[in-house]
C-alpha atoms as a PDB file:
ATOM      1  CA  UNK A   1      29.398   2.892  14.655  1.00  0.00           C
ATOM      2  CA  UNK A   2      30.609   2.450  11.664  1.00  0.00           C
ATOM      3  CA  UNK A   3      30.599  -0.405   9.102  1.00  0.00           C
ATOM      4  CA  UNK A   4      32.977  -1.130   6.495  1.00  0.00           C
ATOM      5  CA  UNK A   5      32.014  -1.334   3.069  1.00  0.00           C
ATOM      6  CA  UNK A   6      33.402  -3.907   1.221  1.00  0.00           C
ATOM      7  CA  UNK A   7      33.958  -2.974  -3.020  1.00  0.00           C
ATOM      8  CA  UNK A   8      33.215  -6.301  -4.759  1.00  0.00           C
ATOM      9  CA  UNK A   9      34.212  -6.396  -8.648  1.00  0.00           C
ATOM     10  CA  UNK A  10      31.876  -8.372 -11.447  1.00  0.00           C
ATOM     11  CA  UNK A  11      30.731  -7.922 -14.434  1.00  0.00           C
ATOM     12  CA  UNK A  12      27.559  -6.427 -15.707  1.00  0.00           C
ATOM     13  CA  UNK A  13      25.609  -9.904 -15.592  1.00  0.00           C
ATOM     14  CA  UNK A  14      25.986 -10.274 -12.225  1.00  0.00           C
ATOM     15  CA  UNK A  15      23.921  -7.208 -11.044  1.00  0.00           C
ATOM     16  CA  UNK A  16      20.469  -7.917  -9.235  1.00  0.00           C
ATOM     17  CA  UNK A  17      17.702  -6.518 -10.156  1.00  0.00           C
ATOM     18  CA  UNK A  18      18.255  -2.343  -9.096  1.00  0.00           C
ATOM     19  CA  UNK A  19      20.777  -2.507  -7.424  1.00  0.00           C
ATOM     20  CA  UNK A  20      23.494  -0.138  -8.878  1.00  0.00           C
ATOM     21  CA  UNK A  21      27.624  -0.488  -9.318  1.00  0.00           C
ATOM     22  CA  UNK A  22      29.489   1.993 -11.175  1.00  0.00           C
ATOM     23  CA  UNK A  23      31.889   1.036 -14.305  1.00  0.00           C
ATOM     24  CA  UNK A  24      35.564   0.109 -13.459  1.00  0.00           C
ATOM     25  CA  UNK A  25      36.147  -0.998 -17.239  1.00  0.00           C
ATOM     26  CA  UNK A  26      36.462  -3.380 -19.867  1.00  0.00           C
ATOM     27  CA  UNK A  27      37.369  -7.467 -19.624  1.00  0.00           C
ATOM     28  CA  UNK A  28      40.372  -8.256 -21.482  1.00  0.00           C
ATOM     29  CA  UNK A  29      38.584 -10.470 -24.479  1.00  0.00           C
ATOM     30  CA  UNK A  30      36.345  -7.653 -25.023  1.00  0.00           C
ATOM     31  CA  UNK A  31      36.129  -7.258 -28.914  1.00  0.00           C
ATOM     32  CA  UNK A  32      36.981  -3.636 -29.597  1.00  0.00           C
ATOM     33  CA  UNK A  33      34.874  -2.750 -32.296  1.00  0.00           C
ATOM     34  CA  UNK A  34      32.005  -3.374 -28.647  1.00  0.00           C
ATOM     35  CA  UNK A  35      33.868  -1.585 -26.409  1.00  0.00           C
ATOM     36  CA  UNK A  36      33.767   1.686 -28.020  1.00  0.00           C
ATOM     37  CA  UNK A  37      30.051   0.678 -29.584  1.00  0.00           C
ATOM     38  CA  UNK A  38      29.627   0.824 -25.370  1.00  0.00           C
ATOM     39  CA  UNK A  39      32.052   3.954 -25.129  1.00  0.00           C
ATOM     40  CA  UNK A  40      29.831   5.590 -27.978  1.00  0.00           C
ATOM     41  CA  UNK A  41      26.631   4.446 -25.487  1.00  0.00           C
ATOM     42  CA  UNK A  42      28.591   6.169 -21.809  1.00  0.00           C
ATOM     43  CA  UNK A  43      29.190   3.043 -20.989  1.00  0.00           C
ATOM     44  CA  UNK A  44      32.233   5.389 -19.062  1.00  0.00           C
ATOM     45  CA  UNK A  45      35.039   4.429 -15.983  1.00  0.00           C
ATOM     46  CA  UNK A  46      33.256   5.972 -13.243  1.00  0.00           C
ATOM     47  CA  UNK A  47      29.705   6.007 -14.673  1.00  0.00           C
ATOM     48  CA  UNK A  48      26.710   5.036 -12.413  1.00  0.00           C
ATOM     49  CA  UNK A  49      24.720   2.487 -13.893  1.00  0.00           C
ATOM     50  CA  UNK A  50      21.490   0.707 -12.274  1.00  0.00           C
ATOM     51  CA  UNK A  51      20.074  -2.750 -13.728  1.00  0.00           C
ATOM     52  CA  UNK A  52      16.642  -2.098 -14.713  1.00  0.00           C
ATOM     53  CA  UNK A  53      14.573  -5.012 -15.260  1.00  0.00           C
ATOM     54  CA  UNK A  54      15.123  -7.925 -16.743  1.00  0.00           C
ATOM     55  CA  UNK A  55      13.269  -9.937 -20.651  1.00  0.00           C
ATOM     56  CA  UNK A  56      11.195 -12.762 -20.399  1.00  0.00           C
ATOM     57  CA  UNK A  57      13.371 -15.407 -21.543  1.00  0.00           C
ATOM     58  CA  UNK A  58      16.577 -14.025 -19.219  1.00  0.00           C
ATOM     59  CA  UNK A  59      19.141 -13.200 -22.354  1.00  0.00           C
ATOM     60  CA  UNK A  60      18.741  -9.457 -22.419  1.00  0.00           C
ATOM     61  CA  UNK A  61      18.498  -6.726 -20.007  1.00  0.00           C
ATOM     62  CA  UNK A  62      17.638  -3.414 -19.378  1.00  0.00           C
ATOM     63  CA  UNK A  63      19.788  -0.548 -17.528  1.00  0.00           C
ATOM     64  CA  UNK A  64      19.697   2.604 -16.240  1.00  0.00           C
ATOM     65  CA  UNK A  65      23.066   4.155 -17.174  1.00  0.00           C
ATOM     66  CA  UNK A  66      22.775   8.558 -17.408  1.00  0.00           C
ATOM     67  CA  UNK A  67      19.154   8.445 -17.581  1.00  0.00           C
ATOM     68  CA  UNK A  68      19.142   6.377 -19.844  1.00  0.00           C
ATOM     69  CA  UNK A  69      17.283   3.114 -20.101  1.00  0.00           C
ATOM     70  CA  UNK A  70      19.399   0.547 -22.721  1.00  0.00           C
ATOM     71  CA  UNK A  71      18.777  -2.546 -23.687  1.00  0.00           C
ATOM     72  CA  UNK A  72      22.193  -4.891 -23.261  1.00  0.00           C
ATOM     73  CA  UNK A  73      22.579  -8.860 -24.190  1.00  0.00           C
ATOM     74  CA  UNK A  74      24.001 -10.903 -21.287  1.00  0.00           C
ATOM     75  CA  UNK A  75      26.603 -12.034 -23.822  1.00  0.00           C
ATOM     76  CA  UNK A  76      27.716  -8.175 -24.381  1.00  0.00           C
ATOM     77  CA  UNK A  77      27.336  -7.393 -20.769  1.00  0.00           C
ATOM     78  CA  UNK A  78      29.398  -9.941 -19.479  1.00  0.00           C
ATOM     79  CA  UNK A  79      32.849  -7.721 -20.834  1.00  0.00           C
ATOM     80  CA  UNK A  80      31.255  -4.679 -18.642  1.00  0.00           C
ATOM     81  CA  UNK A  81      33.086  -4.632 -15.154  1.00  0.00           C
ATOM     82  CA  UNK A  82      31.396  -2.993 -12.584  1.00  0.00           C
ATOM     83  CA  UNK A  83      31.944  -2.690  -8.922  1.00  0.00           C
ATOM     84  CA  UNK A  84      29.467  -2.756  -6.754  1.00  0.00           C
ATOM     85  CA  UNK A  85      28.995  -1.928  -2.520  1.00  0.00           C
ATOM     86  CA  UNK A  86      28.307  -4.506   0.035  1.00  0.00           C
ATOM     87  CA  UNK A  87      26.429  -3.563   3.077  1.00  0.00           C
END
């Protein structure tokens, strides 16, 4: 029996711990300097990303991108759009 996967588009903050997604782009409100910085870090379209862990005060999160663990503030992570598969 085959199941259809539903692809959900959301921002990076919506990923739960240990959940993976694929970067699909950036929010239209994303400042250019923030977008350029994320591209420099490796947040390119099509890149797989995994939410690793949360900070104690829940103001930033660690993500694994291309084998690197990066910490991003929630205020900045809202600009990155990701697609997630739900079973």
